[in-house]
Protein backbone atom coordinates (compact mmCIF):
# COMPACT_ATOMS: atom_id res chain seq x y z
CA MET A 1 -24.91 4.94 24.21
CA THR A 2 -27.57 7.55 24.93
CA SER A 3 -30.43 7.70 22.42
CA THR A 4 -31.08 11.42 22.78
CA LEU A 5 -27.93 13.47 23.05
CA PRO A 6 -27.96 17.21 23.67
CA ALA A 7 -26.88 19.48 20.85
CA ALA A 8 -23.16 20.07 20.72
CA PRO A 9 -22.06 23.63 21.39
CA SER A 10 -20.17 25.54 18.73
CA ILE A 11 -16.44 25.40 19.39
CA PRO A 12 -14.91 28.91 19.35
CA ALA A 13 -11.88 29.31 17.06
CA LEU A 14 -9.46 29.91 19.95
CA VAL A 15 -10.65 26.75 21.72
CA ARG A 16 -10.52 24.72 18.49
CA THR A 17 -6.91 25.77 17.86
CA PHE A 18 -6.01 24.85 21.44
CA LEU A 19 -7.71 21.43 21.21
CA GLU A 20 -6.01 20.66 17.91
CA ALA A 21 -2.58 20.88 19.59
CA PRO A 22 -1.16 17.54 20.80
CA LEU A 23 -1.80 18.11 24.50
CA VAL A 24 -2.81 15.39 26.93
CA ALA A 25 -6.23 15.20 28.53
CA SER A 26 -7.17 14.38 32.07
CA VAL A 27 -10.20 12.10 31.68
CA ALA A 28 -12.65 12.07 34.59
CA THR A 29 -15.22 9.28 34.87
CA THR A 30 -17.51 7.95 37.57
CA GLY A 31 -16.90 4.57 39.15
CA PRO A 32 -19.61 2.02 39.91
CA ASP A 33 -19.78 3.29 43.49
CA GLY A 34 -20.18 6.90 42.33
CA ALA A 35 -16.60 7.86 43.16
CA PRO A 36 -14.72 9.99 40.63
CA HIS A 37 -11.75 8.56 38.75
CA GLN A 38 -9.14 10.37 36.66
CA ALA A 39 -6.62 9.20 34.10
CA ILE A 40 -4.39 10.83 31.51
CA ALA A 41 -5.00 10.04 27.84
CA TRP A 42 -4.15 11.07 24.34
CA TYR A 43 -7.10 12.46 22.39
CA ARG A 44 -7.97 13.92 19.01
CA LEU A 45 -10.55 16.51 18.00
CA ASP A 46 -12.09 15.19 14.80
CA PRO A 47 -13.42 17.42 12.00
CA ASP A 48 -17.01 16.70 13.12
CA ASP A 49 -16.18 18.16 16.57
CA ARG A 50 -16.16 14.77 18.29
CA ILE A 51 -13.32 13.76 20.58
CA LEU A 52 -11.64 10.42 19.97
CA LEU A 53 -10.20 8.62 23.00
CA ASN A 54 -8.48 5.24 23.02
CA SER A 55 -7.34 2.91 25.78
CA ARG A 56 -5.80 -0.44 26.36
CA LEU A 57 -8.13 -2.96 27.93
CA PRO A 58 -8.77 -3.62 30.73
CA ARG A 59 -8.42 -0.26 32.40
CA ARG A 60 -10.77 1.42 34.83
CA TRP A 61 -11.79 4.53 32.88
CA PRO A 62 -12.96 2.62 29.76
CA ALA A 63 -14.96 0.28 32.01
CA ASP A 64 -16.51 3.35 33.63
CA LEU A 65 -17.42 4.79 30.22
CA LEU A 66 -18.98 1.52 29.05
CA ARG A 67 -21.20 1.58 32.14
CA ASP A 68 -21.87 5.35 32.31
CA GLY A 69 -21.07 7.34 29.18
CA ARG A 70 -20.60 10.68 30.95
CA LEU A 71 -17.14 12.17 31.32
CA SER A 72 -15.23 15.37 31.60
CA LEU A 73 -11.88 16.29 30.13
CA ALA A 74 -9.38 18.89 31.23
CA ILE A 75 -6.70 19.83 28.71
CA LEU A 76 -3.85 21.98 30.05
CA ASP A 77 -1.46 24.23 28.19
CA GLU A 78 1.86 22.48 28.77
CA HIS A 79 3.64 25.85 29.19
CA ASP A 80 1.03 27.72 31.23
CA ALA A 81 -1.20 25.63 33.52
CA ALA A 82 -3.48 28.64 34.06
CA ARG A 83 -4.59 28.21 30.42
CA TRP A 84 -6.84 25.20 29.98
CA VAL A 85 -10.06 23.97 28.45
CA GLY A 86 -12.60 21.79 30.20
CA LEU A 87 -15.04 19.69 28.22
CA SER A 88 -18.09 17.77 29.35
CA GLY A 89 -19.10 14.96 27.06
CA LEU A 90 -21.11 11.86 26.40
CA VAL A 91 -20.03 8.67 24.68
CA GLU A 92 -21.66 8.73 21.27
CA ALA A 93 -20.02 5.58 19.93
CA VAL A 94 -17.94 2.73 21.27
CA ILE A 95 -15.42 1.34 18.80
CA ASP A 96 -14.79 -2.16 20.08
CA ASP A 97 -13.58 -3.52 16.75
CA VAL A 98 -10.03 -4.38 17.84
CA GLU A 99 -8.38 -3.61 14.49
CA GLN A 100 -10.08 -0.20 14.22
CA ALA A 101 -9.17 0.61 17.82
CA ARG A 102 -5.56 -0.40 17.11
CA ASP A 103 -5.56 1.85 14.04
CA ASP A 104 -6.89 4.66 16.24
CA ILE A 105 -4.09 4.35 18.82
CA CYS A 106 -1.46 4.23 16.07
CA ASP A 107 -2.95 7.40 14.55
CA LEU A 108 -2.84 9.03 17.99
CA ALA A 109 0.79 7.99 18.41
CA VAL A 110 1.65 9.79 15.18
CA ARG A 111 -0.30 12.85 16.37
CA TYR A 112 1.81 12.87 19.52
CA GLY A 113 5.08 12.41 17.62
CA ASP A 114 5.75 8.73 18.33
CA THR A 115 6.57 7.00 15.05
CA ASP A 116 8.76 4.26 16.53
CA PRO A 117 7.91 0.94 14.81
CA GLU A 118 8.25 -0.81 18.20
CA THR A 119 5.48 1.40 19.59
CA PHE A 120 3.21 0.43 16.70
CA ALA A 121 4.08 -3.25 17.13
CA ALA A 122 3.19 -3.05 20.83
CA PHE A 123 -0.10 -1.27 20.13
CA ARG A 124 -0.95 -3.80 17.40
CA SER A 125 -0.63 -6.64 19.94
CA GLN A 126 -2.85 -5.08 22.63
CA PRO A 127 -6.59 -5.31 23.22
CA ARG A 128 -7.78 -1.72 22.55
CA ILE A 129 -11.04 0.23 22.59
CA SER A 130 -11.92 3.68 21.25
CA PHE A 131 -14.67 6.10 22.18
CA ARG A 132 -16.20 8.90 20.14
CA ILE A 133 -17.30 11.64 22.50
CA ARG A 134 -19.92 14.28 21.79
CA ILE A 135 -18.97 17.53 23.49
CA VAL A 136 -21.93 18.90 25.45
CA ALA A 137 -20.26 21.78 27.31
CA ILE A 138 -17.07 23.80 26.96
CA HIS A 139 -15.36 25.53 29.87
CA ASP A 140 -12.83 27.93 28.33
CA HIS A 141 -10.01 29.19 30.56
CA LEU A 142 -7.70 30.44 27.83
CA ASP A 143 -7.98 34.19 28.32
CA ASP A 144 -8.62 34.39 32.07
């Protein structure tokens, strides 16, 4: 979305290990009126240090990202809410090819332990969109 993106920071090993766990992310976007909006989403840290997010359409947070590609994510340790990682990011790519976006949500379902064929059938019938997010800042609260 943005032609000149800032360089991505190096992800420390402790943060990488944390982000690779199947935790949920709180996604924060900005609405058309400037008001913040939050939603919970599955995510994946890809080997190239991009975050993959996927949503059913139409939902508010994807519409926000299509209009303004800035977002922040908060990922909490499910056993200790004092341990978390915050990420600031920019949409680097929008994957609006429906079949690819459906593949993405099915891959995320497997990551999160849902291999029920009915889940996949439901996802395969939905309008979906994926976003590849470039991390621009990391806020590490793992050892506080």
